[in-house]
Protein backbone atom coordinates (compact mmCIF):
# COMPACT_ATOMS: atom_id res chain seq x y z
CA MET A 1 89.64 83.60 105.20
CA LYS A 2 91.06 86.14 107.69
CA ARG A 3 91.86 88.23 104.52
CA SER A 4 88.34 87.78 102.93
CA ALA A 5 86.71 89.00 106.12
CA THR A 6 88.63 92.15 106.05
CA LEU A 7 88.37 92.73 102.40
CA ALA A 8 84.60 92.30 102.87
CA ALA A 9 84.74 95.33 106.36
CA ALA A 10 86.72 97.48 103.61
CA VAL A 11 83.65 97.41 100.95
CA ALA A 12 81.20 98.12 103.44
CA VAL A 13 83.30 101.04 104.34
CA THR A 14 81.78 104.67 104.08
CA LEU A 15 84.69 107.29 103.12
CA VAL A 16 83.80 111.17 102.97
CA ALA A 17 82.99 112.24 99.81
CA ALA A 18 85.61 114.45 97.99
CA GLY A 19 84.96 117.14 95.65
CA CYS A 20 85.11 116.65 91.83
CA GLY A 21 88.61 118.23 91.32
CA ALA A 22 90.89 116.34 88.83
CA ASN A 23 93.09 115.11 90.95
CA ALA A 24 92.54 111.42 91.21
CA ASN A 25 94.76 110.91 94.53
CA GLN A 26 92.43 113.21 96.55
CA GLY A 27 89.49 112.72 98.45
CA GLY A 28 86.53 110.17 97.05
CA SER A 29 84.22 108.02 98.85
CA SER A 30 82.63 104.05 98.79
CA ASN A 31 79.75 102.19 99.98
CA THR A 32 78.22 99.17 99.72
CA GLY A 33 75.94 100.41 96.44
CA ALA A 34 72.74 99.97 98.15
CA ASP A 35 71.92 103.30 96.51
CA LYS A 36 70.78 102.54 93.12
CA ASP A 37 72.87 105.84 91.78
CA THR A 38 75.71 103.75 93.20
CA LEU A 39 77.74 100.95 91.90
CA VAL A 40 80.55 99.06 93.54
CA ALA A 41 82.75 97.18 91.12
CA ALA A 42 85.25 94.59 91.94
CA TYR A 43 88.69 94.48 89.46
CA SER A 44 91.75 92.51 90.02
CA GLU A 45 94.25 95.16 89.92
CA GLY A 46 94.12 98.95 90.22
CA GLY A 47 95.55 99.77 86.94
CA LYS A 48 99.08 101.52 86.07
CA THR A 49 98.40 104.83 84.30
CA LEU A 50 95.35 107.54 83.69
CA ASN A 51 97.57 108.72 80.63
CA PRO A 52 95.34 107.90 77.65
CA ALA A 53 98.40 107.05 75.13
CA GLU A 54 100.37 105.29 77.69
CA ALA A 55 97.53 102.93 79.16
CA ASN A 56 97.54 99.37 78.19
CA ASP A 57 95.76 97.66 80.89
CA VAL A 58 91.62 96.98 81.76
CA THR A 59 91.65 98.80 84.80
CA SER A 60 93.58 101.81 83.21
CA ASP A 61 91.40 101.58 80.25
CA THR A 62 88.19 101.55 81.58
CA PHE A 63 88.86 105.13 83.58
CA VAL A 64 90.31 106.51 80.35
CA VAL A 65 87.18 105.39 78.98
CA ALA A 66 84.90 106.86 81.43
CA ALA A 67 87.02 110.01 81.65
CA TYR A 68 87.55 110.78 78.27
CA ASP A 69 86.00 111.14 74.83
CA GLN A 70 86.94 110.24 71.65
CA LEU A 71 86.16 111.74 68.18
CA VAL A 72 84.05 109.02 66.96
CA THR A 73 83.04 105.90 69.00
CA TYR A 74 81.42 102.04 67.82
CA ASP A 75 77.92 101.69 67.37
CA ARG A 76 76.01 99.59 69.49
CA THR A 77 73.28 96.41 68.67
CA THR A 78 71.74 93.95 70.27
CA VAL A 79 72.55 90.30 69.66
CA GLY A 80 70.48 87.07 71.53
CA GLY A 81 69.00 89.90 73.35
CA LYS A 82 72.36 91.35 74.84
CA PRO A 83 73.69 94.61 74.36
CA THR A 84 76.74 94.54 72.11
CA ALA A 85 79.18 96.70 70.32
CA LYS A 86 79.06 96.97 66.40
CA THR A 87 82.60 97.74 65.93
CA ASP A 88 82.13 97.40 61.85
CA THR A 89 79.81 101.11 62.15
CA ILE A 90 81.61 104.28 63.65
CA VAL A 91 79.16 106.78 64.56
CA PRO A 92 79.72 110.49 66.16
CA MET A 93 81.14 111.10 69.55
CA LEU A 94 83.45 114.81 69.90
CA ALA A 95 82.77 114.65 66.16
CA GLU A 96 78.89 115.10 65.02
CA SER A 97 79.75 114.40 61.49
CA TRP A 98 82.38 113.95 58.99
CA LYS A 99 83.40 113.99 55.07
CA VAL A 100 86.02 111.31 53.31
CA SER A 101 87.91 112.69 50.04
CA ALA A 102 87.31 110.90 46.91
CA ASP A 103 90.78 109.46 47.32
CA SER A 104 90.25 108.42 50.60
CA LYS A 105 93.05 110.09 51.98
CA SER A 106 91.63 112.89 53.80
CA TYR A 107 88.81 113.01 56.63
CA THR A 108 87.06 116.69 57.48
CA PHE A 109 85.58 116.49 60.98
CA THR A 110 83.16 118.57 62.35
CA MET A 111 83.69 119.32 66.15
CA ARG A 112 80.29 119.34 68.36
CA GLN A 113 80.01 123.17 69.50
CA GLY A 114 79.70 122.99 73.64
CA VAL A 115 81.67 120.61 74.82
CA LYS A 116 83.72 121.74 78.14
CA PHE A 117 86.65 119.66 79.67
CA GLU A 118 86.02 118.66 83.00
CA ASP A 119 88.27 122.00 84.17
CA GLY A 120 85.43 123.90 82.46
CA SER A 121 87.77 124.94 79.57
CA ALA A 122 86.19 124.94 75.88
CA LEU A 123 87.23 121.79 73.67
CA ASP A 124 87.59 122.74 69.76
CA SER A 125 89.58 121.36 67.18
CA ASP A 126 92.91 123.11 68.65
CA ASP A 127 92.61 120.23 71.25
CA VAL A 128 92.34 117.37 68.37
CA VAL A 129 95.51 118.85 67.08
CA LYS A 130 97.66 118.79 69.94
CA THR A 131 95.90 115.30 71.30
CA PHE A 132 97.42 113.77 68.16
CA ASP A 133 100.86 115.61 68.49
CA PHE A 134 101.26 113.63 71.96
CA ILE A 135 99.85 110.76 70.41
CA LYS A 136 102.47 110.86 68.17
CA LYS A 137 105.11 111.41 70.72
CA SER A 138 103.91 108.59 73.20
CA SER A 139 105.85 105.71 73.71
CA SER A 140 102.54 103.08 73.76
CA ALA A 141 99.95 104.80 70.86
CA SER A 142 102.57 106.15 68.77
CA PHE A 143 102.68 102.55 67.18
CA LEU A 144 98.86 102.83 66.51
CA TYR A 145 99.48 106.42 65.58
CA GLY A 146 101.48 104.85 62.73
CA MET A 147 99.08 102.02 62.29
CA ALA A 148 96.51 104.38 61.26
CA GLY A 149 98.98 105.87 58.70
CA ILE A 150 98.12 109.67 59.70
CA ASP A 151 100.21 112.10 57.88
CA THR A 152 99.28 115.47 59.19
CA VAL A 153 96.31 116.94 61.32
CA THR A 154 95.30 120.18 61.01
CA ALA A 155 92.42 122.65 62.61
CA ILE A 156 90.50 124.54 59.82
CA ASP A 157 88.66 126.38 62.26
CA PRO A 158 87.57 125.97 65.50
CA GLN A 159 84.87 123.57 64.89
CA THR A 160 86.78 121.92 62.12
CA VAL A 161 89.66 119.36 61.96
CA LYS A 162 91.30 117.68 59.12
CA ILE A 163 92.92 114.50 59.24
CA ASP A 164 95.11 113.45 55.90
CA LEU A 165 96.45 110.10 55.35
CA LYS A 166 99.61 108.53 53.69
CA ALA A 167 97.23 106.36 51.89
CA PRO A 168 94.16 104.97 52.04
CA ASN A 169 93.50 102.65 55.26
CA HIS A 170 90.99 100.99 56.50
CA LEU A 171 92.03 100.72 59.93
CA PHE A 172 91.70 104.45 60.46
CA LEU A 173 87.98 104.99 61.65
CA GLN A 174 88.46 101.48 63.28
CA ILE A 175 91.20 102.75 65.78
CA LEU A 176 90.01 106.11 66.25
CA PRO A 177 87.25 104.87 68.92
CA MET A 178 90.08 103.19 71.14
CA TYR A 179 91.01 104.93 74.44
CA SER A 180 94.45 105.54 73.40
CA PHE A 181 93.04 108.33 71.11
CA SER A 182 91.08 110.35 73.67
CA ILE A 183 90.91 114.02 73.49
CA ILE A 184 93.04 115.80 76.05
CA ASN A 185 92.91 119.18 77.49
CA ILE A 186 96.79 119.35 76.94
CA ASP A 187 97.12 123.05 78.01
CA LYS A 188 95.79 121.96 81.16
CA VAL A 189 98.64 118.93 81.25
CA SER A 190 101.34 121.46 80.21
CA ALA A 191 100.20 123.83 82.72
CA GLU A 192 100.60 121.46 85.22
CA GLY A 193 103.87 120.20 84.20
CA GLY A 194 103.31 117.57 81.47
CA SER A 195 102.86 114.29 81.14
CA ARG A 196 103.83 112.59 84.04
CA TRP A 197 101.16 114.64 85.78
CA LEU A 198 98.82 113.03 83.21
CA ASP A 199 99.85 109.62 84.91
CA THR A 200 97.68 110.45 87.94
CA HIS A 201 95.39 112.86 86.79
CA THR A 202 92.53 113.39 84.11
CA ALA A 203 92.11 115.81 81.78
CA GLY A 204 89.45 114.60 79.59
CA SER A 205 85.66 115.89 78.74
CA GLY A 206 84.26 112.60 79.75
CA PRO A 207 80.88 111.43 81.33
CA TYR A 208 82.70 110.75 84.72
CA ARG A 209 85.50 112.31 86.87
CA LEU A 210 88.28 110.50 88.64
CA THR A 211 88.16 111.57 92.27
CA LYS A 212 90.08 109.07 93.83
CA TRP A 213 92.82 106.33 92.35
CA ASP A 214 94.85 104.50 95.02
CA PRO A 215 96.07 101.34 92.75
CA ALA A 216 96.33 99.25 95.77
CA THR A 217 93.24 99.41 97.17
CA GLU A 218 90.10 101.71 95.04
CA ALA A 219 88.97 104.32 92.81
CA VAL A 220 86.11 106.55 92.63
CA LEU A 221 84.01 107.92 89.90
CA GLU A 222 81.69 110.94 89.72
CA ARG A 223 79.33 111.83 87.40
CA ASN A 224 80.27 114.47 85.49
CA ASP A 225 77.09 116.78 85.83
CA THR A 226 77.98 119.11 82.88
CA TYR A 227 78.92 116.43 80.67
CA TRP A 228 77.75 117.25 76.72
CA GLY A 229 76.03 114.14 75.99
CA GLU A 230 73.30 112.25 77.80
CA LYS A 231 73.76 111.75 81.47
CA PRO A 232 74.81 108.23 83.07
CA ALA A 233 72.32 107.11 85.30
CA LEU A 234 74.72 106.02 87.57
CA ARG A 235 75.81 109.33 90.13
CA LYS A 236 79.15 107.41 91.52
CA ILE A 237 81.29 104.20 90.64
CA ASN A 238 82.90 102.88 93.70
CA THR A 239 85.79 100.34 92.17
CA LYS A 240 87.71 97.97 94.29
CA PHE A 241 90.94 96.29 93.67
CA ILE A 242 90.99 92.82 94.94
CA GLY A 243 93.59 90.59 93.63
CA GLU A 244 92.11 86.95 95.15
CA ALA A 245 89.78 85.75 92.63
CA SER A 246 87.59 84.06 95.30
CA ASN A 247 87.10 87.07 97.43
CA ARG A 248 85.71 88.63 94.16
CA VAL A 249 83.08 86.26 94.11
CA GLN A 250 82.57 85.94 97.68
CA LEU A 251 81.58 89.85 97.89
CA LEU A 252 79.52 89.58 94.97
CA THR A 253 77.52 86.60 96.21
CA LYS A 254 77.01 88.55 99.29
CA GLY A 255 75.84 91.62 97.61
CA GLU A 256 78.66 93.86 98.81
CA VAL A 257 79.67 94.25 95.13
CA ASP A 258 77.50 94.92 92.20
CA ILE A 259 79.58 93.83 89.72
CA ALA A 260 83.05 91.38 89.50
CA LEU A 261 85.26 90.66 86.80
CA GLU A 262 88.15 87.94 86.08
CA VAL A 263 85.76 85.44 87.61
CA PRO A 264 87.50 82.07 87.25
CA ALA A 265 85.86 79.80 85.10
CA LYS A 266 85.20 77.14 87.79
CA ASP A 267 83.14 79.18 89.86
CA VAL A 268 81.11 80.54 86.49
CA ASP A 269 78.35 77.27 86.88
CA THR A 270 77.94 77.61 90.84
CA LEU A 271 77.75 81.49 90.37
CA SER A 272 74.76 81.28 87.60
CA LYS A 273 72.83 79.31 90.23
CA GLN A 274 73.02 82.20 92.87
CA SER A 275 69.98 83.50 93.64
CA GLY A 276 70.51 87.43 93.08
CA VAL A 277 73.67 86.97 90.77
CA ALA A 278 73.46 87.33 86.90
CA ILE A 279 76.09 85.69 84.68
CA ASP A 280 77.00 87.14 81.45
CA SER A 281 79.48 84.80 79.30
CA ARG A 282 80.14 85.31 75.59
CA ALA A 283 83.06 84.19 73.21
CA SER A 284 85.00 86.49 72.31
CA ASN A 285 88.61 87.68 70.40
CA LYS A 286 90.80 87.59 73.72
CA VAL A 287 93.04 84.53 73.11
CA LEU A 288 95.32 82.73 75.38
CA PHE A 289 98.72 81.21 73.88
CA PHE A 290 102.11 80.01 74.62
CA GLY A 291 104.59 81.80 73.54
CA MET A 292 107.94 80.86 72.12
CA ASN A 293 111.02 83.33 71.62
CA ASN A 294 112.19 82.68 68.03
CA ALA A 295 115.03 84.11 68.75
CA VAL A 296 115.98 81.74 71.85
CA LYS A 297 117.38 78.20 71.11
CA PRO A 298 115.99 75.83 70.84
CA PHE A 299 112.97 77.64 69.64
CA ASP A 300 114.75 79.60 66.83
CA ASN A 301 114.02 75.83 64.91
CA PRO A 302 110.57 75.70 63.86
CA LYS A 303 110.71 72.22 63.91
CA VAL A 304 111.15 72.87 67.93
CA ARG A 305 107.82 75.01 67.97
CA GLN A 306 105.67 72.64 66.00
CA ALA A 307 106.97 69.77 68.47
CA ILE A 308 105.57 71.78 71.66
CA SER A 309 102.10 72.87 69.58
CA TYR A 310 101.37 68.98 69.63
CA ALA A 311 102.45 68.20 72.95
CA ILE A 312 99.85 70.63 74.32
CA PRO A 313 97.03 68.71 75.83
CA TYR A 314 94.31 71.17 73.99
CA ASP A 315 91.22 69.22 75.31
CA LYS A 316 92.35 69.00 78.89
CA LEU A 317 92.57 72.58 79.05
CA LEU A 318 89.46 73.52 77.98
CA SER A 319 87.46 70.94 79.99
CA ASP A 320 89.50 70.60 83.38
CA VAL A 321 90.65 74.07 83.46
CA MET A 322 88.17 76.31 81.43
CA LYS A 323 85.05 74.40 82.29
CA GLY A 324 83.32 75.17 79.00
CA GLN A 325 84.31 79.07 79.23
CA ALA A 326 86.90 78.70 76.52
CA SER A 327 86.68 77.46 72.56
CA PRO A 328 89.69 76.19 70.54
CA MET A 329 92.01 78.18 68.91
CA ARG A 330 93.27 77.02 65.50
CA SER A 331 94.70 80.73 64.38
CA SER A 332 96.74 83.48 65.27
CA VAL A 333 93.88 85.59 65.15
CA ALA A 334 90.12 84.71 66.82
CA SER A 335 88.05 83.11 65.17
CA SER A 336 85.43 85.72 65.02
CA THR A 337 87.63 88.39 63.56
CA PRO A 338 86.86 88.96 59.76
CA GLY A 339 89.05 87.51 57.37
CA PHE A 340 89.86 84.42 59.81
CA THR A 341 91.22 81.02 58.47
CA ASP A 342 93.05 77.98 59.89
CA ALA A 343 94.88 77.51 56.98
CA GLY A 344 98.08 75.52 58.19
CA TYR A 345 96.80 74.74 61.32
CA VAL A 346 97.66 71.05 61.53
CA TYR A 347 98.16 70.23 65.31
CA SER A 348 96.35 68.21 67.86
CA HIS A 349 97.37 66.31 70.64
CA ASP A 350 100.23 63.75 69.36
CA LEU A 351 103.05 62.98 71.43
CA ASP A 352 104.59 60.60 68.80
CA LYS A 353 104.12 63.44 65.90
CA ALA A 354 105.75 65.70 68.79
CA LYS A 355 108.92 63.43 69.40
CA ALA A 356 109.25 62.51 65.52
CA LEU A 357 109.86 66.17 65.04
CA LEU A 358 112.04 66.68 68.10
CA ALA A 359 114.46 64.01 66.59
CA GLU A 360 114.34 65.98 63.36
CA ALA A 361 115.43 69.18 64.89
CA GLY A 362 118.18 67.46 66.91
CA HIS A 363 116.67 67.04 69.85
CA PRO A 364 116.09 63.42 69.93
CA ASN A 365 116.38 63.26 74.08
CA GLY A 366 114.45 66.34 74.44
CA PHE A 367 116.11 69.34 76.04
CA THR A 368 115.21 71.62 79.24
CA PHE A 369 113.81 75.29 79.13
CA ASP A 370 112.55 78.17 80.78
CA PHE A 371 109.13 79.51 81.68
CA THR A 372 108.20 82.66 82.93
CA LEU A 373 104.50 82.34 84.78
CA GLY A 374 103.06 85.74 85.56
CA SER A 375 100.35 86.07 88.36
CA GLY A 376 96.99 86.80 88.69
CA PHE A 377 95.29 84.49 86.44
CA GLU A 378 94.52 80.91 87.85
CA ASP A 379 93.76 79.21 84.35
CA TRP A 380 97.86 79.99 83.80
CA SER A 381 98.88 78.39 86.88
CA ASP A 382 96.74 75.16 85.99
CA ASP A 383 97.91 74.99 81.67
CA ALA A 384 101.04 75.52 82.84
CA VAL A 385 101.62 72.22 85.10
CA LEU A 386 99.24 70.30 82.54
CA ILE A 387 101.86 71.34 79.86
CA GLN A 388 104.51 70.99 81.95
CA ALA A 389 103.42 67.14 82.59
CA GLU A 390 102.97 66.23 78.87
CA LEU A 391 106.48 68.07 77.86
CA ALA A 392 108.01 65.53 80.26
CA LYS A 393 106.66 62.37 78.40
CA ILE A 394 108.59 63.37 75.17
CA GLY A 395 111.41 64.22 77.24
CA VAL A 396 111.37 68.37 77.33
CA THR A 397 111.91 69.87 80.86
CA MET A 398 109.75 72.65 81.40
CA ASN A 399 111.09 74.88 84.53
CA ILE A 400 108.41 77.05 85.34
CA ASN A 401 109.61 80.12 87.02
CA LYS A 402 106.71 82.72 88.67
CA MET A 403 106.98 86.21 88.68
CA ALA A 404 104.54 88.87 89.85
CA ARG A 405 102.31 90.20 86.97
CA PRO A 406 104.18 93.60 87.11
CA GLN A 407 107.35 92.01 86.76
CA PHE A 408 105.85 89.75 84.08
CA LEU A 409 104.94 92.37 82.08
CA GLU A 410 108.18 94.44 82.42
CA ALA A 411 110.01 91.37 81.09
CA LEU A 412 107.71 90.30 78.35
CA ALA A 413 108.55 94.24 77.02
CA THR A 414 111.99 93.51 76.99
CA LYS A 415 111.61 90.29 74.09
CA LYS A 416 113.92 88.11 76.17
CA VAL A 417 111.62 85.82 77.99
CA GLN A 418 112.11 82.23 76.68
CA SER A 419 108.86 81.19 77.05
CA TYR A 420 105.86 82.62 78.50
CA ILE A 421 101.71 82.12 78.41
CA THR A 422 100.24 85.32 77.87
CA ARG A 423 96.71 86.45 76.42
CA TRP A 424 95.53 89.35 74.01
CA THR A 425 92.67 91.22 73.11
CA SER A 426 92.56 92.76 69.74
CA PHE A 427 90.60 95.90 70.78
CA VAL A 428 89.77 96.49 66.73
CA ASN A 429 88.54 93.49 65.51
CA ASP A 430 90.47 93.21 63.02
CA PRO A 431 93.30 90.84 61.37
CA GLY A 432 95.58 93.85 60.57
CA TYR A 433 95.71 95.30 63.63
CA HIS A 434 95.86 91.95 65.58
CA LEU A 435 99.01 90.68 63.21
CA GLY A 436 100.47 94.24 63.22
CA LEU A 437 100.62 94.47 66.96
CA LEU A 438 101.82 90.52 67.56
CA LEU A 439 103.30 89.17 64.60
CA THR A 440 105.07 91.97 62.55
CA SER A 441 109.20 92.09 62.82
CA ASP A 442 108.48 95.59 64.39
CA GLY A 443 104.87 94.88 65.96
CA THR A 444 105.51 96.51 69.33
CA SER A 445 103.64 93.57 71.13
CA ASN A 446 106.03 90.86 69.35
CA TYR A 447 107.51 89.05 72.31
CA ALA A 448 108.30 85.88 70.60
CA ASN A 449 110.38 88.04 68.28
CA PHE A 450 108.57 86.15 65.20
CA ASN A 451 110.30 87.69 61.93
CA ASN A 452 109.20 86.82 58.69
CA PRO A 453 109.56 88.86 55.78
CA GLU A 454 107.02 87.61 53.72
CA VAL A 455 104.24 88.07 56.59
CA ASP A 456 105.51 91.63 56.98
CA ASN A 457 104.95 92.54 53.10
CA LEU A 458 101.64 90.86 53.17
CA TRP A 459 100.56 93.02 56.19
CA LYS A 460 101.81 96.11 54.43
CA GLN A 461 99.95 94.91 51.50
CA ALA A 462 96.92 94.57 53.05
CA SER A 463 97.09 97.62 55.27
CA THR A 464 96.54 99.78 52.00
CA GLU A 465 94.42 97.45 50.17
CA THR A 466 90.63 99.09 49.83
CA ASP A 467 88.91 95.39 48.60
CA GLN A 468 87.92 93.88 51.85
CA LYS A 469 88.05 90.56 49.78
CA VAL A 470 91.46 91.13 48.33
CA ARG A 471 92.58 92.34 51.76
CA ASN A 472 91.47 89.42 53.47
CA ASP A 473 93.31 87.12 50.84
CA LEU A 474 95.99 88.83 52.06
CA TYR A 475 95.88 88.34 55.67
CA GLY A 476 94.84 84.78 55.05
CA LYS A 477 97.95 84.04 53.15
CA ALA A 478 100.08 85.61 56.49
CA GLN A 479 97.94 83.31 58.97
CA GLU A 480 98.83 80.22 56.83
CA ILE A 481 102.44 81.06 57.19
CA ILE A 482 101.97 82.12 60.79
CA ASN A 483 100.27 78.80 61.56
CA THR A 484 102.89 76.70 60.06
CA GLN A 485 105.75 78.39 61.46
CA ALA A 486 104.38 78.11 64.96
CA PRO A 487 105.95 81.19 67.05
CA TRP A 488 103.18 79.97 69.33
CA ALA A 489 101.09 77.05 70.58
CA TYR A 490 97.68 77.88 70.49
CA LEU A 491 95.94 77.29 73.79
CA TYR A 492 92.16 78.71 73.55
CA GLU A 493 89.65 81.78 72.84
CA TYR A 494 88.23 82.98 75.98
CA ASN A 495 84.84 83.56 76.92
CA ILE A 496 84.25 87.17 78.62
CA VAL A 497 82.73 86.24 81.53
CA VAL A 498 81.28 89.48 83.84
CA ALA A 499 79.17 88.20 86.79
CA GLN A 500 76.95 90.59 88.06
CA ARG A 501 73.98 91.65 90.63
CA ALA A 502 70.73 90.71 88.81
CA GLY A 503 69.71 94.57 89.26
CA VAL A 504 72.92 95.94 87.00
CA GLN A 505 71.43 96.68 83.57
CA GLY A 506 73.23 97.91 80.37
CA TYR A 507 76.60 95.99 80.41
CA THR A 508 77.48 95.73 76.64
CA SER A 509 80.05 93.46 75.61
CA TYR A 510 83.15 95.16 73.71
CA PRO A 511 86.17 93.49 71.92
CA ASP A 512 88.28 95.29 74.35
CA GLY A 513 86.95 93.78 77.14
CA ILE A 514 86.13 97.46 78.86
CA ILE A 515 83.10 98.42 80.77
CA ARG A 516 81.29 100.97 79.87
CA PHE A 517 79.82 102.29 83.20
CA PHE A 518 78.17 105.12 81.58
CA GLN A 519 75.86 102.57 79.96
CA LEU A 520 74.75 100.87 83.27
CA SER A 521 72.01 101.31 85.59
CA ASN A 522 71.52 99.68 89.04
CA LYS A 523 67.83 98.79 89.87
CA GLY A 524 69.08 97.14 93.07
């Protein structure tokens, strides 16, 4: 309670407003959101980097989307009366139009005129070329660059840029709207010393300028009044970083923050009954799975992995932990993903079947293994305890080792963790994107070390297949193999839950889970 009171007081403090410079660690201000042109948002963590090509957490991504533009973006539609991203339709952003060659290997974009970066310099096709070269050399987005099949990027004239692909690629236009492909003022970055400067500064042309960023406490976004597009309704966004979920909930109910993320499932029903609070809960393609390192004994044996999949208490996870804010996961891609199939998925909570498979695998008396639990999400901890108890019933001892989230992410990246729980959201709602990153042998996020040459070949064939039905058949065959081989035990598909004050309007649900602040207004 002492910590909660301290945080509530911190939110109420008004800091001295800063200038709108590009240095995100200087100046900034905050208030309680009483002004209708200001919004206070509560996030669980403060982000890792402002570099669009290296960002890979929701907070960092949110700031990048606010401060940068991309060549193209996703359309919006309304589903059930709620604004929703229409990711299968790509619409202009910095590029006002484009043409595709007859062989689908060349895209020629006509750039919007009059666009300026936040430092006032003009944005043209040369900046696109420099940005794409920067992305190609990055440690993170370079994989997406390769997945998009990009061969060359050429400035034809200041307003025209041509992108040639190595082969027809259905993911190309789907990947371009991602924050990773934000157009950067590379000349500014170079003048300031290079990419390390970009980790803590912005150099974009977006609707907001990030004027303060302290990953431990808060960030401030100020409206970019020279923005080329429609001006955001909100002049200022104050983002508070509050690790304890109960504190985020408390501040929201007291009206001291306007919007809160990472709301625990157990609090959704209570919050929905609070006066002045609105809950937006929607099915998503965000999945949670129990990863088993396929390169480490005993999980190098598919029968062991299948046994674990039969031991998971699926119904308890959905009812006791997620309280109805999730749905069953029955394939390596989410059920809302085009091309989804549950072929090969045979798992249910069946301890007898689990024991039989362990015996076939040479472990009739079970075994002991290490499980790494990353901090930050209540459901992960609750899931781990329930799974641990079920595994004990079949003679399997699961040693839970807790790890702070930053260290957990670093450990996963080594691909040496024996087992873990993690979640994944495919920002491009396509099985090629999802499987390419997570379950191909070269996938940068294949932390389970799943390696199946047939899956790799199916994925490669699908990546250049222009017929969607044929492509989905190829992805379906890959899913069936993966479901049978069980590199993961599938836990559930999350609802994306955003809790907000009733006066906040314009929230649009995107697969990436990123809130576009420039689409919001605050009616108080």
